[in-house]
Amino acid sequence: MKRKSITWKWVEGDVDRAKEHFELRYGDANETEYEDWRPVALIGRPQNHSFQVKWLIDESTPEGKEFIQEAREEIDFYLVQKGESDPWAYAIYHCGTASNIYSRIHWSYYGSGNRGECYKSKIIVEGNEKKIILGGR
């Protein structure tokens, strides 16, 4: 018997920051710190193979339109198109990768909601040296 593949999708909706979620921010890790990156979206844990996405910026501005377009492309790729059997787990893994740092859209995972630790990759500067920390809290 052929196994039916699961179709994942995302829809716009509310995301409870007090619960497990992702936050996507826009910024250049070589130029600015995490705190300076612009929050773009929240993504809630999926229900019935559907992720809730809440936009945190206004798409009617040129800047907002650009940030949301890039975030949409990443959300589509990692949660829908990539074809992972568990895209939530893969997105958590992605938060700790170098590709997350080098992208302009940065994923951060809040496993215990916004009261808990944030799992993400980052660049730190020690003296004159930059270091990439993969999957730091």
N, C-alpha and C. Protein backbone atom coordinates (compact mmCIF):
# COMPACT_ATOMS: atom_id res chain seq x y z
N MET A 1 0.84 -1.18 0.00
CA MET A 1 0.00 0.00 0.00
C MET A 1 0.89 1.24 0.00
N LYS A 2 0.59 2.16 -0.88
CA LYS A 2 1.36 3.40 -0.98
C LYS A 2 0.99 4.34 0.16
N ARG A 3 2.01 4.89 0.81
CA ARG A 3 1.80 5.79 1.93
C ARG A 3 1.51 7.21 1.41
N LYS A 4 0.46 7.81 1.92
CA LYS A 4 0.08 9.15 1.50
C LYS A 4 1.03 10.18 2.12
N SER A 5 1.55 11.07 1.29
CA SER A 5 2.43 12.11 1.82
C SER A 5 1.58 13.21 2.46
N ILE A 6 2.16 13.82 3.46
CA ILE A 6 1.48 14.89 4.19
C ILE A 6 1.73 16.22 3.49
N THR A 7 0.70 17.00 3.33
CA THR A 7 0.83 18.33 2.75
C THR A 7 0.81 19.34 3.90
N TRP A 8 1.92 20.07 4.01
CA TRP A 8 2.04 21.11 5.03
C TRP A 8 1.68 22.45 4.40
N LYS A 9 1.18 23.37 5.22
CA LYS A 9 0.85 24.70 4.73
C LYS A 9 0.98 25.68 5.90
N TRP A 10 0.92 26.96 5.56
CA TRP A 10 0.86 27.99 6.59
C TRP A 10 -0.22 28.98 6.23
N VAL A 11 -0.80 29.57 7.26
CA VAL A 11 -1.84 30.57 7.09
C VAL A 11 -1.57 31.72 8.06
N GLU A 12 -2.05 32.89 7.72
CA GLU A 12 -1.91 34.02 8.63
C GLU A 12 -2.88 33.84 9.79
N GLY A 13 -2.40 34.16 10.99
CA GLY A 13 -3.24 34.04 12.18
C GLY A 13 -2.48 34.45 13.42
N ASP A 14 -3.10 34.30 14.55
CA ASP A 14 -2.49 34.68 15.82
C ASP A 14 -1.49 33.63 16.28
N VAL A 15 -0.45 34.09 16.94
CA VAL A 15 0.55 33.21 17.54
C VAL A 15 0.74 33.68 18.98
N ASP A 16 0.62 32.76 19.91
CA ASP A 16 0.76 33.06 21.34
C ASP A 16 2.24 33.02 21.70
N ARG A 17 2.82 34.17 22.02
CA ARG A 17 4.24 34.25 22.36
C ARG A 17 4.55 33.52 23.67
N ALA A 18 3.56 33.27 24.49
CA ALA A 18 3.80 32.57 25.76
C ALA A 18 3.99 31.07 25.53
N LYS A 19 3.68 30.59 24.33
CA LYS A 19 3.84 29.18 23.99
C LYS A 19 5.01 29.02 23.02
N GLU A 20 5.36 27.79 22.77
CA GLU A 20 6.44 27.45 21.85
C GLU A 20 6.20 28.13 20.49
N HIS A 21 7.25 28.78 19.96
CA HIS A 21 7.11 29.46 18.67
C HIS A 21 8.49 29.81 18.09
N PHE A 22 8.47 30.23 16.85
CA PHE A 22 9.65 30.80 16.19
C PHE A 22 9.42 32.29 16.02
N GLU A 23 10.53 33.02 16.05
CA GLU A 23 10.49 34.43 15.67
C GLU A 23 11.47 34.60 14.52
N LEU A 24 11.03 35.26 13.46
CA LEU A 24 11.90 35.57 12.33
C LEU A 24 12.24 37.04 12.37
N ARG A 25 13.54 37.34 12.21
CA ARG A 25 14.01 38.72 12.20
C ARG A 25 14.80 38.96 10.93
N TYR A 26 14.80 40.22 10.49
CA TYR A 26 15.52 40.62 9.29
C TYR A 26 16.71 41.46 9.70
N GLY A 27 17.90 41.11 9.19
CA GLY A 27 19.08 41.89 9.49
C GLY A 27 20.34 41.25 8.92
N ASP A 28 21.42 41.97 9.00
CA ASP A 28 22.72 41.51 8.51
C ASP A 28 23.60 41.20 9.71
N ALA A 29 23.89 39.92 9.92
CA ALA A 29 24.66 39.49 11.09
C ALA A 29 26.08 40.02 11.08
N ASN A 30 26.60 40.38 9.92
CA ASN A 30 27.95 40.94 9.86
C ASN A 30 27.99 42.41 10.24
N GLU A 31 26.84 43.07 10.21
CA GLU A 31 26.79 44.51 10.46
C GLU A 31 26.16 44.89 11.80
N THR A 32 25.16 44.11 12.23
CA THR A 32 24.40 44.48 13.43
C THR A 32 24.17 43.27 14.33
N GLU A 33 23.78 43.54 15.55
CA GLU A 33 23.50 42.51 16.55
C GLU A 33 22.05 42.04 16.45
N TYR A 34 21.77 40.88 17.02
CA TYR A 34 20.43 40.30 17.04
C TYR A 34 19.39 41.31 17.52
N GLU A 35 19.69 42.03 18.56
CA GLU A 35 18.73 42.98 19.13
C GLU A 35 18.37 44.09 18.14
N ASP A 36 19.24 44.36 17.17
CA ASP A 36 18.99 45.40 16.18
C ASP A 36 18.23 44.90 14.95
N TRP A 37 18.13 43.59 14.80
CA TRP A 37 17.41 43.05 13.65
C TRP A 37 15.92 43.30 13.82
N ARG A 38 15.25 43.51 12.72
CA ARG A 38 13.84 43.87 12.72
C ARG A 38 12.96 42.62 12.84
N PRO A 39 12.13 42.50 13.91
CA PRO A 39 11.19 41.38 13.99
C PRO A 39 10.20 41.44 12.82
N VAL A 40 10.05 40.31 12.13
CA VAL A 40 9.19 40.26 10.95
C VAL A 40 7.97 39.38 11.17
N ALA A 41 8.16 38.20 11.81
CA ALA A 41 7.05 37.26 11.92
C ALA A 41 7.22 36.34 13.12
N LEU A 42 6.10 35.80 13.57
CA LEU A 42 6.05 34.73 14.55
C LEU A 42 5.42 33.53 13.87
N ILE A 43 5.86 32.33 14.23
CA ILE A 43 5.29 31.10 13.68
C ILE A 43 4.94 30.19 14.85
N GLY A 44 3.68 29.78 14.90
CA GLY A 44 3.22 28.89 15.97
C GLY A 44 3.33 27.43 15.58
N ARG A 45 3.38 26.57 16.60
CA ARG A 45 3.45 25.12 16.40
C ARG A 45 2.27 24.69 15.53
N PRO A 46 2.50 23.77 14.59
CA PRO A 46 1.42 23.41 13.66
C PRO A 46 0.29 22.63 14.32
N GLN A 47 -0.89 22.82 13.79
CA GLN A 47 -2.06 22.02 14.14
C GLN A 47 -2.66 21.53 12.84
N ASN A 48 -2.88 20.24 12.75
CA ASN A 48 -3.42 19.63 11.54
C ASN A 48 -2.60 20.00 10.31
N HIS A 49 -1.28 19.96 10.45
CA HIS A 49 -0.33 20.20 9.36
C HIS A 49 -0.40 21.63 8.81
N SER A 50 -0.80 22.57 9.67
CA SER A 50 -0.89 23.96 9.27
C SER A 50 -0.24 24.84 10.34
N PHE A 51 0.65 25.72 9.89
CA PHE A 51 1.34 26.66 10.77
C PHE A 51 0.63 28.00 10.76
N GLN A 52 0.49 28.61 11.92
CA GLN A 52 -0.02 29.98 12.02
C GLN A 52 1.16 30.93 11.90
N VAL A 53 1.05 31.94 11.07
CA VAL A 53 2.08 32.95 10.90
C VAL A 53 1.47 34.32 11.19
N LYS A 54 2.11 35.06 12.09
CA LYS A 54 1.67 36.41 12.41
C LYS A 54 2.75 37.38 11.96
N TRP A 55 2.38 38.31 11.09
CA TRP A 55 3.32 39.33 10.62
C TRP A 55 3.43 40.42 11.67
N LEU A 56 4.65 40.87 11.91
CA LEU A 56 4.91 41.86 12.94
C LEU A 56 5.21 43.25 12.36
N ILE A 57 5.20 43.35 11.03
CA ILE A 57 5.47 44.63 10.38
C ILE A 57 4.39 44.91 9.33
N ASP A 58 4.35 46.12 8.89
CA ASP A 58 3.34 46.58 7.95
C ASP A 58 3.82 46.36 6.51
N GLU A 59 3.06 45.57 5.77
CA GLU A 59 3.45 45.25 4.40
C GLU A 59 3.18 46.39 3.42
N SER A 60 2.52 47.44 3.86
CA SER A 60 2.19 48.53 2.94
C SER A 60 3.38 49.47 2.69
N THR A 61 4.45 49.32 3.46
CA THR A 61 5.65 50.14 3.23
C THR A 61 6.62 49.36 2.34
N PRO A 62 7.46 50.03 1.58
CA PRO A 62 8.44 49.32 0.74
C PRO A 62 9.35 48.40 1.57
N GLU A 63 9.81 48.88 2.71
CA GLU A 63 10.66 48.06 3.58
C GLU A 63 9.90 46.84 4.09
N GLY A 64 8.69 47.06 4.58
CA GLY A 64 7.88 45.96 5.09
C GLY A 64 7.58 44.94 4.01
N LYS A 65 7.29 45.40 2.81
CA LYS A 65 7.01 44.49 1.69
C LYS A 65 8.22 43.61 1.39
N GLU A 66 9.42 44.22 1.39
CA GLU A 66 10.65 43.47 1.12
C GLU A 66 10.91 42.43 2.21
N PHE A 67 10.79 42.83 3.47
CA PHE A 67 11.06 41.92 4.59
C PHE A 67 10.08 40.75 4.59
N ILE A 68 8.81 41.05 4.37
CA ILE A 68 7.79 39.99 4.37
C ILE A 68 7.99 39.06 3.18
N GLN A 69 8.34 39.58 2.02
CA GLN A 69 8.59 38.73 0.86
C GLN A 69 9.72 37.74 1.14
N GLU A 70 10.81 38.22 1.71
CA GLU A 70 11.92 37.32 2.03
C GLU A 70 11.53 36.31 3.09
N ALA A 71 10.75 36.73 4.09
CA ALA A 71 10.30 35.81 5.13
C ALA A 71 9.36 34.75 4.53
N ARG A 72 8.47 35.17 3.64
CA ARG A 72 7.56 34.21 2.99
C ARG A 72 8.35 33.14 2.24
N GLU A 73 9.38 33.56 1.52
CA GLU A 73 10.19 32.60 0.77
C GLU A 73 10.83 31.58 1.72
N GLU A 74 11.33 32.04 2.85
CA GLU A 74 11.95 31.13 3.82
C GLU A 74 10.92 30.21 4.45
N ILE A 75 9.78 30.76 4.84
CA ILE A 75 8.72 29.94 5.44
C ILE A 75 8.27 28.87 4.45
N ASP A 76 8.03 29.29 3.20
CA ASP A 76 7.62 28.33 2.17
C ASP A 76 8.67 27.23 2.02
N PHE A 77 9.94 27.62 1.94
CA PHE A 77 10.99 26.64 1.71
C PHE A 77 11.12 25.66 2.88
N TYR A 78 11.33 26.19 4.09
CA TYR A 78 11.64 25.31 5.22
C TYR A 78 10.43 24.54 5.75
N LEU A 79 9.25 25.11 5.70
CA LEU A 79 8.10 24.45 6.29
C LEU A 79 7.20 23.72 5.30
N VAL A 80 7.27 24.09 4.02
CA VAL A 80 6.36 23.49 3.04
C VAL A 80 7.11 22.74 1.94
N GLN A 81 7.97 23.43 1.20
CA GLN A 81 8.57 22.87 -0.01
C GLN A 81 9.67 21.85 0.24
N LYS A 82 10.41 21.99 1.32
CA LYS A 82 11.56 21.13 1.56
C LYS A 82 11.16 19.66 1.67
N GLY A 83 9.95 19.41 2.09
CA GLY A 83 9.44 18.04 2.13
C GLY A 83 9.88 17.23 3.35
N GLU A 84 10.24 17.90 4.42
CA GLU A 84 10.62 17.19 5.65
C GLU A 84 9.39 16.50 6.24
N SER A 85 9.59 15.33 6.85
CA SER A 85 8.47 14.64 7.49
C SER A 85 8.02 15.40 8.73
N ASP A 86 8.95 16.11 9.38
CA ASP A 86 8.63 16.93 10.55
C ASP A 86 9.28 18.30 10.36
N PRO A 87 8.60 19.20 9.63
CA PRO A 87 9.21 20.50 9.35
C PRO A 87 9.45 21.34 10.61
N TRP A 88 8.69 21.13 11.67
CA TRP A 88 8.92 21.86 12.92
C TRP A 88 10.29 21.50 13.49
N ALA A 89 10.57 20.21 13.55
CA ALA A 89 11.87 19.75 14.06
C ALA A 89 13.00 20.24 13.15
N TYR A 90 12.78 20.23 11.85
CA TYR A 90 13.81 20.71 10.94
C TYR A 90 14.05 22.21 11.14
N ALA A 91 13.01 22.98 11.36
CA ALA A 91 13.17 24.42 11.57
C ALA A 91 13.96 24.69 12.87
N ILE A 92 13.74 23.87 13.90
CA ILE A 92 14.53 24.00 15.12
C ILE A 92 16.00 23.75 14.80
N TYR A 93 16.27 22.69 14.05
CA TYR A 93 17.64 22.39 13.63
C TYR A 93 18.23 23.57 12.85
N HIS A 94 17.45 24.13 11.94
CA HIS A 94 17.90 25.24 11.09
C HIS A 94 18.36 26.44 11.93
N CYS A 95 17.71 26.67 13.06
CA CYS A 95 18.09 27.80 13.93
C CYS A 95 19.55 27.73 14.35
N GLY A 96 20.13 26.55 14.39
CA GLY A 96 21.50 26.37 14.83
C GLY A 96 22.50 26.19 13.70
N THR A 97 22.14 26.56 12.48
CA THR A 97 23.03 26.36 11.34
C THR A 97 23.68 27.66 10.89
N ALA A 98 24.77 27.52 10.15
CA ALA A 98 25.45 28.68 9.57
C ALA A 98 24.55 29.37 8.54
N SER A 99 23.75 28.61 7.81
CA SER A 99 22.88 29.24 6.81
C SER A 99 21.89 30.19 7.48
N ASN A 100 21.52 29.92 8.71
CA ASN A 100 20.63 30.83 9.44
C ASN A 100 21.32 32.16 9.72
N ILE A 101 22.60 32.12 9.98
CA ILE A 101 23.36 33.35 10.26
C ILE A 101 23.59 34.15 8.98
N TYR A 102 23.88 33.47 7.88
CA TYR A 102 24.24 34.17 6.65
C TYR A 102 23.04 34.68 5.86
N SER A 103 21.86 34.19 6.18
CA SER A 103 20.64 34.69 5.55
C SER A 103 20.30 36.07 6.13
N ARG A 104 19.48 36.82 5.45
CA ARG A 104 18.99 38.08 6.02
C ARG A 104 17.78 37.84 6.92
N ILE A 105 17.12 36.68 6.75
CA ILE A 105 16.03 36.28 7.64
C ILE A 105 16.63 35.26 8.62
N HIS A 106 16.53 35.59 9.90
CA HIS A 106 17.11 34.75 10.95
C HIS A 106 16.00 34.13 11.79
N TRP A 107 16.08 32.81 11.96
CA TRP A 107 15.09 32.07 12.74
C TRP A 107 15.60 31.91 14.17
N SER A 108 14.73 32.14 15.13
CA SER A 108 15.01 31.91 16.54
C SER A 108 13.87 31.06 17.10
N TYR A 109 14.23 30.09 17.92
CA TYR A 109 13.25 29.16 18.49
C TYR A 109 13.07 29.41 19.97
N TYR A 110 11.84 29.60 20.38
CA TYR A 110 11.48 29.79 21.79
C TYR A 110 10.69 28.56 22.22
N GLY A 111 11.39 27.57 22.77
CA GLY A 111 10.76 26.30 23.15
C GLY A 111 9.82 26.41 24.34
N SER A 112 10.03 27.39 25.18
CA SER A 112 9.18 27.60 26.36
C SER A 112 8.45 28.94 26.27
N GLY A 113 8.25 29.41 25.08
CA GLY A 113 7.63 30.72 24.90
C GLY A 113 8.63 31.83 25.17
N ASN A 114 8.16 33.04 25.17
CA ASN A 114 9.06 34.18 25.31
C ASN A 114 9.64 34.31 26.72
N ARG A 115 9.20 33.50 27.66
CA ARG A 115 9.77 33.52 29.01
C ARG A 115 11.02 32.65 29.10
N GLY A 116 11.20 31.79 28.11
CA GLY A 116 12.31 30.85 28.15
C GLY A 116 13.49 31.29 27.32
N GLU A 117 14.40 30.36 27.12
CA GLU A 117 15.60 30.64 26.35
C GLU A 117 15.29 30.66 24.86
N CYS A 118 16.11 31.40 24.14
CA CYS A 118 15.99 31.52 22.70
C CYS A 118 17.15 30.74 22.07
N TYR A 119 16.84 29.83 21.15
CA TYR A 119 17.85 29.02 20.47
C TYR A 119 18.08 29.61 19.09
N LYS A 120 19.34 30.04 18.81
CA LYS A 120 19.65 30.68 17.53
C LYS A 120 21.15 30.63 17.29
N SER A 121 21.55 30.89 16.07
CA SER A 121 22.96 31.09 15.74
C SER A 121 23.26 32.57 15.83
N LYS A 122 24.51 32.91 16.12
CA LYS A 122 24.85 34.32 16.22
C LYS A 122 26.34 34.52 15.98
N ILE A 123 26.69 35.75 15.72
CA ILE A 123 28.10 36.14 15.58
C ILE A 123 28.44 36.97 16.81
N ILE A 124 29.56 36.62 17.45
CA ILE A 124 30.02 37.44 18.56
C ILE A 124 31.41 37.99 18.22
N VAL A 125 31.73 39.12 18.80
CA VAL A 125 33.02 39.74 18.56
C VAL A 125 33.81 39.69 19.87
N GLU A 126 35.01 39.11 19.80
CA GLU A 126 35.92 39.08 20.94
C GLU A 126 37.21 39.75 20.51
N GLY A 127 37.42 40.95 21.01
CA GLY A 127 38.58 41.72 20.57
C GLY A 127 38.40 42.14 19.12
N ASN A 128 39.34 41.75 18.27
CA ASN A 128 39.25 42.05 16.84
C ASN A 128 38.75 40.85 16.04
N GLU A 129 38.29 39.81 16.72
CA GLU A 129 37.94 38.56 16.06
C GLU A 129 36.44 38.30 16.14
N LYS A 130 35.84 37.93 15.00
CA LYS A 130 34.44 37.53 14.96
C LYS A 130 34.37 36.01 15.05
N LYS A 131 33.42 35.52 15.85
CA LYS A 131 33.20 34.09 15.98
C LYS A 131 31.74 33.79 15.74
N ILE A 132 31.49 32.70 15.02
CA ILE A 132 30.12 32.27 14.79
C ILE A 132 29.78 31.22 15.85
N ILE A 133 28.68 31.44 16.55
CA ILE A 133 28.19 30.49 17.53
C ILE A 133 26.96 29.84 16.92
N LEU A 134 27.02 28.54 16.66
CA LEU A 134 25.91 27.83 16.06
C LEU A 134 25.06 27.22 17.16
N GLY A 135 23.79 27.56 17.15
CA GLY A 135 22.86 26.98 18.09
C GLY A 135 23.04 27.43 19.52
N GLY A 136 23.36 28.68 19.73
CA GLY A 136 23.52 29.18 21.09
C GLY A 136 22.22 29.62 21.71
N ARG A 137 22.27 29.78 23.00
CA ARG A 137 21.07 30.25 23.75
C ARG A 137 21.38 31.57 24.38
